[in-house]
């Protein structure tokens, strides 16, 4: 069994949905459901990293630790990097980022990215993807695509439709050709502690800024990312009040 720590970044402020980590689902706050999913994944330790005492109070006594972090972090990765500075973990300790707004996150996906990183000695990061079969999804810039090599190390991530099937799309993108290696990135990451300690010192790069994809910073600075292929997409996270109502209406098991 791979040993790993789950860190759940959960801030109170959100442009589209302030306080969403505390939004109630089936009688408990959303972030508490994420703690449950992390516990079911087999994590050796679970830490909720937050900047707000209300979130800390909501998860107290739920089988996790709490790390109070700064309120000015630009990303969840920056918040997790601060947690790493608070601990004397070994450089090869595996940390999985489970976002505090994904109450339906499959525990096996959390475990899966940790296992993928453990099995990929050259990688600093592991993430996941699933196959794209619909041309509309392939062309959608909100659906991030990933291409990887024969050893499942990422070559590039993009909002553009990659790889582009030149012959099949010569007269326009009507349908995806059979066996096109088109994969949609699933935004979950496992990191080695050594990478997270170095991350905050890495300069932002043009590819990251133009694509608005943080993982391109790691690739541009020479870090390898292992990609685990999943059979299907996980349920989406909750970004807006409308998303919350959709999950409530779906009556999905939590």
Protein backbone atom coordinates (compact mmCIF):
# COMPACT_ATOMS: atom_id res chain seq x y z
CA UNK A 1 0.00 0.00 0.00
CA UNK A 2 1.24 3.46 -0.89
CA UNK A 3 1.54 5.79 2.09
CA UNK A 4 0.31 9.32 1.45
CA UNK A 5 -1.05 12.43 3.15
CA UNK A 6 -4.15 14.26 1.91
CA UNK A 7 -4.18 18.04 2.27
CA UNK A 8 -7.52 19.75 1.63
CA UNK A 9 -7.15 23.46 0.80
CA UNK A 10 -10.38 25.23 1.81
CA UNK A 11 -10.60 29.00 1.83
CA UNK A 12 -13.64 30.98 2.83
CA UNK A 13 -13.45 33.67 0.15
CA UNK A 14 -14.69 32.78 -3.33
CA UNK A 15 -15.69 35.19 -6.08
CA UNK A 16 -18.56 33.04 -7.34
CA UNK A 17 -19.56 31.37 -4.09
CA UNK A 18 -18.30 32.89 -0.80
CA UNK A 19 -18.21 30.39 2.04
CA UNK A 20 -18.89 27.42 -0.22
CA UNK A 21 -16.71 25.08 1.88
CA UNK A 22 -19.36 25.47 4.60
CA UNK A 23 -22.37 24.97 2.33
CA UNK A 24 -24.52 22.18 3.73
CA UNK A 25 -25.02 18.84 2.03
CA UNK A 26 -26.97 16.11 3.79
CA UNK A 27 -26.61 17.79 7.16
CA UNK A 28 -22.92 18.62 7.15
CA UNK A 29 -20.61 21.13 5.48
CA UNK A 30 -19.18 20.35 2.06
CA UNK A 31 -15.59 20.29 3.31
CA UNK A 32 -16.53 17.61 5.86
CA UNK A 33 -17.64 15.35 2.99
CA UNK A 34 -14.23 15.83 1.38
CA UNK A 35 -12.62 14.77 4.67
CA UNK A 36 -14.77 11.63 4.54
CA UNK A 37 -13.66 10.87 0.98
CA UNK A 38 -10.02 11.33 2.01
CA UNK A 39 -10.47 8.97 4.95
CA UNK A 40 -12.00 6.34 2.64
CA UNK A 41 -8.99 6.67 0.30
CA UNK A 42 -6.64 5.12 2.86
CA UNK A 43 -4.63 8.27 3.55
CA UNK A 44 -2.25 8.03 6.51
CA UNK A 45 -3.03 11.61 7.52
CA UNK A 46 -5.63 14.22 6.53
CA UNK A 47 -5.08 17.95 6.95
CA UNK A 48 -7.54 20.73 6.18
CA UNK A 49 -5.58 23.85 5.21
CA UNK A 50 -7.67 26.97 5.70
CA UNK A 51 -7.48 30.69 6.36
CA UNK A 52 -10.75 30.87 8.28
CA UNK A 53 -11.67 29.85 11.83
CA UNK A 54 -15.23 28.95 10.75
CA UNK A 55 -13.92 26.26 8.41
CA UNK A 56 -11.53 25.04 11.08
CA UNK A 57 -14.43 24.75 13.53
CA UNK A 58 -16.56 22.89 10.97
CA UNK A 59 -14.03 20.05 10.61
CA UNK A 60 -12.82 19.89 14.21
CA UNK A 61 -13.30 16.41 15.64
CA UNK A 62 -13.86 14.80 12.23
CA UNK A 63 -10.66 12.78 12.12
CA UNK A 64 -8.40 15.34 10.50
CA UNK A 65 -5.80 17.90 11.50
CA UNK A 66 -6.16 21.62 10.83
CA UNK A 67 -3.47 23.91 9.42
CA UNK A 68 -4.14 27.64 9.61
CA UNK A 69 -2.61 29.30 6.55
CA UNK A 70 -2.31 32.77 5.06
CA UNK A 71 -5.30 34.33 3.35
CA UNK A 72 -3.38 35.71 0.34
CA UNK A 73 -2.48 32.49 -1.47
CA UNK A 74 -3.15 32.64 -5.20
CA UNK A 75 -3.77 28.90 -5.56
CA UNK A 76 -4.49 25.80 -3.55
CA UNK A 77 -0.99 24.55 -4.40
CA UNK A 78 0.52 27.62 -2.71
CA UNK A 79 -1.60 26.89 0.37
CA UNK A 80 -0.42 23.27 0.43
CA UNK A 81 3.18 24.42 0.03
CA UNK A 82 2.75 26.49 3.19
CA UNK A 83 1.50 23.39 5.02
CA UNK A 84 4.64 21.54 3.89
CA UNK A 85 6.80 24.27 5.45
CA UNK A 86 5.01 23.62 8.75
CA UNK A 87 6.01 19.94 8.79
CA UNK A 88 9.27 18.05 8.80
CA UNK A 89 8.10 15.50 6.24
CA UNK A 90 10.73 13.66 4.21
CA UNK A 91 11.29 14.91 0.66
CA UNK A 92 9.73 11.76 -0.84
CA UNK A 93 6.51 12.03 1.21
CA UNK A 94 3.51 11.97 -1.13
CA UNK A 95 0.91 14.72 -0.67
CA UNK A 96 -2.44 14.56 -2.47
CA UNK A 97 -4.38 17.77 -3.09
CA UNK A 98 -8.11 17.09 -2.56
CA UNK A 99 -10.04 20.31 -3.17
CA UNK A 100 -12.49 21.37 -0.48
CA UNK A 101 -15.30 21.85 -3.03
CA UNK A 102 -15.38 18.27 -4.37
CA UNK A 103 -17.64 16.33 -1.99
CA UNK A 104 -18.20 13.59 -4.60
CA UNK A 105 -14.50 12.99 -5.27
CA UNK A 106 -14.02 9.21 -5.59
CA UNK A 107 -11.70 7.87 -2.86
CA UNK A 108 -10.14 5.49 -5.39
CA UNK A 109 -9.07 8.47 -7.51
CA UNK A 110 -7.28 10.01 -4.51
CA UNK A 111 -5.52 6.72 -3.87
CA UNK A 112 -4.90 6.24 -7.58
CA UNK A 113 -2.85 9.40 -8.12
CA UNK A 114 -0.81 8.68 -4.99
CA UNK A 115 -0.11 5.17 -6.26
CA UNK A 116 0.78 6.50 -9.73
CA UNK A 117 3.33 8.88 -8.24
CA UNK A 118 4.80 6.18 -6.01
CA UNK A 119 5.26 3.98 -9.10
CA UNK A 120 6.85 6.75 -11.21
CA UNK A 121 10.34 7.32 -9.85
CA UNK A 122 11.14 10.14 -12.28
CA UNK A 123 7.97 12.12 -11.54
CA UNK A 124 7.56 14.96 -9.04
CA UNK A 125 3.81 15.10 -9.63
CA UNK A 126 1.06 12.70 -10.68
CA UNK A 127 -2.36 13.56 -12.04
CA UNK A 128 -5.18 11.87 -13.96
CA UNK A 129 -7.18 11.99 -17.17
CA UNK A 130 -9.97 10.22 -19.01
CA UNK A 131 -10.57 9.58 -22.69
CA UNK A 132 -12.59 12.08 -24.73
CA UNK A 133 -15.11 10.59 -27.14
CA UNK A 134 -17.22 13.67 -27.94
CA UNK A 135 -16.01 16.29 -30.43
CA UNK A 136 -17.80 19.10 -28.57
CA UNK A 137 -15.86 18.31 -25.41
CA UNK A 138 -12.65 18.04 -27.46
CA UNK A 139 -13.15 21.54 -28.89
CA UNK A 140 -14.22 23.14 -25.58
CA UNK A 141 -11.47 25.42 -24.14
CA UNK A 142 -12.83 24.77 -20.64
CA UNK A 143 -11.97 21.09 -21.08
CA UNK A 144 -8.21 20.90 -20.51
CA UNK A 145 -6.50 18.31 -22.68
CA UNK A 146 -3.29 16.39 -21.94
CA UNK A 147 -0.92 14.46 -24.19
CA UNK A 148 1.62 12.05 -22.72
CA UNK A 149 4.44 9.81 -23.84
CA UNK A 150 4.60 6.01 -23.99
CA UNK A 151 5.57 5.90 -20.31
CA UNK A 152 2.60 8.07 -19.32
CA UNK A 153 4.64 11.17 -18.55
CA UNK A 154 2.89 14.38 -19.58
CA UNK A 155 4.20 16.15 -22.68
CA UNK A 156 1.79 19.09 -22.58
CA UNK A 157 -1.52 20.35 -21.22
CA UNK A 158 -3.69 22.72 -23.24
CA UNK A 159 -7.11 24.26 -23.57
CA UNK A 160 -6.68 23.79 -27.32
CA UNK A 161 -7.83 20.55 -28.99
CA UNK A 162 -4.72 18.36 -28.94
CA UNK A 163 -3.63 16.19 -30.63
CA UNK A 164 -5.12 17.71 -33.79
CA UNK A 165 -6.18 15.02 -36.32
CA UNK A 166 -5.17 16.85 -39.48
CA UNK A 167 -6.59 14.50 -42.09
CA UNK A 168 -9.84 13.73 -40.26
CA UNK A 169 -10.52 17.44 -39.61
CA UNK A 170 -9.48 18.62 -43.08
CA UNK A 171 -13.07 19.66 -43.84
CA UNK A 172 -13.98 20.54 -40.27
CA UNK A 173 -14.24 18.83 -36.88
CA UNK A 174 -17.41 16.75 -37.24
CA UNK A 175 -16.57 13.64 -35.22
CA UNK A 176 -13.47 12.35 -33.49
CA UNK A 177 -11.58 9.71 -35.44
CA UNK A 178 -11.42 6.26 -33.89
CA UNK A 179 -8.41 5.67 -31.62
CA UNK A 180 -7.46 9.36 -31.45
CA UNK A 181 -5.46 9.64 -28.18
CA UNK A 182 -7.55 12.55 -26.88
CA UNK A 183 -7.67 12.82 -23.10
CA UNK A 184 -9.26 15.31 -20.75
CA UNK A 185 -7.25 16.28 -17.72
CA UNK A 186 -8.77 15.57 -14.30
CA UNK A 187 -7.65 18.28 -11.88
CA UNK A 188 -6.33 16.20 -9.00
CA UNK A 189 -2.63 16.08 -8.10
CA UNK A 190 -0.23 14.10 -5.97
CA UNK A 191 3.12 15.77 -5.20
CA UNK A 192 6.40 14.79 -3.67
CA UNK A 193 7.27 17.08 -0.76
CA UNK A 194 10.55 18.07 -2.37
CA UNK A 195 8.66 19.59 -5.29
CA UNK A 196 6.28 21.54 -3.05
CA UNK A 197 9.23 22.98 -1.13
CA UNK A 198 10.69 24.21 -4.44
CA UNK A 199 7.40 25.26 -6.03
CA UNK A 200 7.03 28.73 -4.51
CA UNK A 201 10.46 29.69 -5.86
CA UNK A 202 9.64 28.71 -9.45
CA UNK A 203 9.08 31.66 -11.74
CA UNK A 204 5.81 31.83 -13.63
CA UNK A 205 6.24 31.11 -17.35
CA UNK A 206 4.52 32.46 -20.45
CA UNK A 207 2.84 29.12 -21.25
CA UNK A 208 1.22 29.09 -17.82
CA UNK A 209 0.01 32.68 -18.12
CA UNK A 210 -1.47 32.34 -21.61
CA UNK A 211 -3.10 28.95 -21.03
CA UNK A 212 -4.06 29.74 -17.40
CA UNK A 213 -2.78 26.29 -16.44
CA UNK A 214 -0.61 26.13 -13.34
CA UNK A 215 0.82 22.69 -14.12
CA UNK A 216 2.67 24.12 -17.12
CA UNK A 217 5.01 25.93 -14.70
CA UNK A 218 6.24 22.57 -13.44
CA UNK A 219 6.72 21.18 -16.96
CA UNK A 220 8.52 24.31 -18.13
CA UNK A 221 10.98 24.04 -15.25
CA UNK A 222 11.80 20.42 -16.06
CA UNK A 223 9.62 18.54 -13.57
CA UNK A 224 7.95 15.38 -14.82
CA UNK A 225 4.25 14.69 -14.34
CA UNK A 226 2.92 11.12 -14.38
CA UNK A 227 -0.57 10.74 -15.86
CA UNK A 228 -2.96 8.02 -14.71
CA UNK A 229 -5.73 7.14 -17.18
CA UNK A 230 -9.15 6.63 -15.58
CA UNK A 231 -12.05 4.74 -17.12
CA UNK A 232 -14.47 7.62 -16.63
CA UNK A 233 -14.68 11.20 -15.46
CA UNK A 234 -15.29 11.83 -11.75
CA UNK A 235 -18.33 13.87 -10.69
CA UNK A 236 -17.65 17.62 -11.06
CA UNK A 237 -16.84 19.87 -8.14
CA UNK A 238 -19.04 22.67 -6.85
CA UNK A 239 -18.11 26.15 -8.06
CA UNK A 240 -21.41 28.03 -7.82
CA UNK A 241 -24.69 27.95 -5.85
CA UNK A 242 -26.30 26.46 -8.97
CA UNK A 243 -23.80 23.58 -8.85
CA UNK A 244 -24.75 22.98 -5.22
CA UNK A 245 -28.44 22.80 -6.08
CA UNK A 246 -27.66 20.39 -8.92
CA UNK A 247 -25.89 18.01 -6.50
CA UNK A 248 -28.71 18.31 -3.97
CA UNK A 249 -31.30 17.58 -6.65
CA UNK A 250 -29.35 14.60 -7.98
CA UNK A 251 -29.58 12.97 -4.54
CA UNK A 252 -26.15 11.40 -5.08
CA UNK A 253 -24.87 9.19 -2.24
CA UNK A 254 -22.31 10.93 -0.05
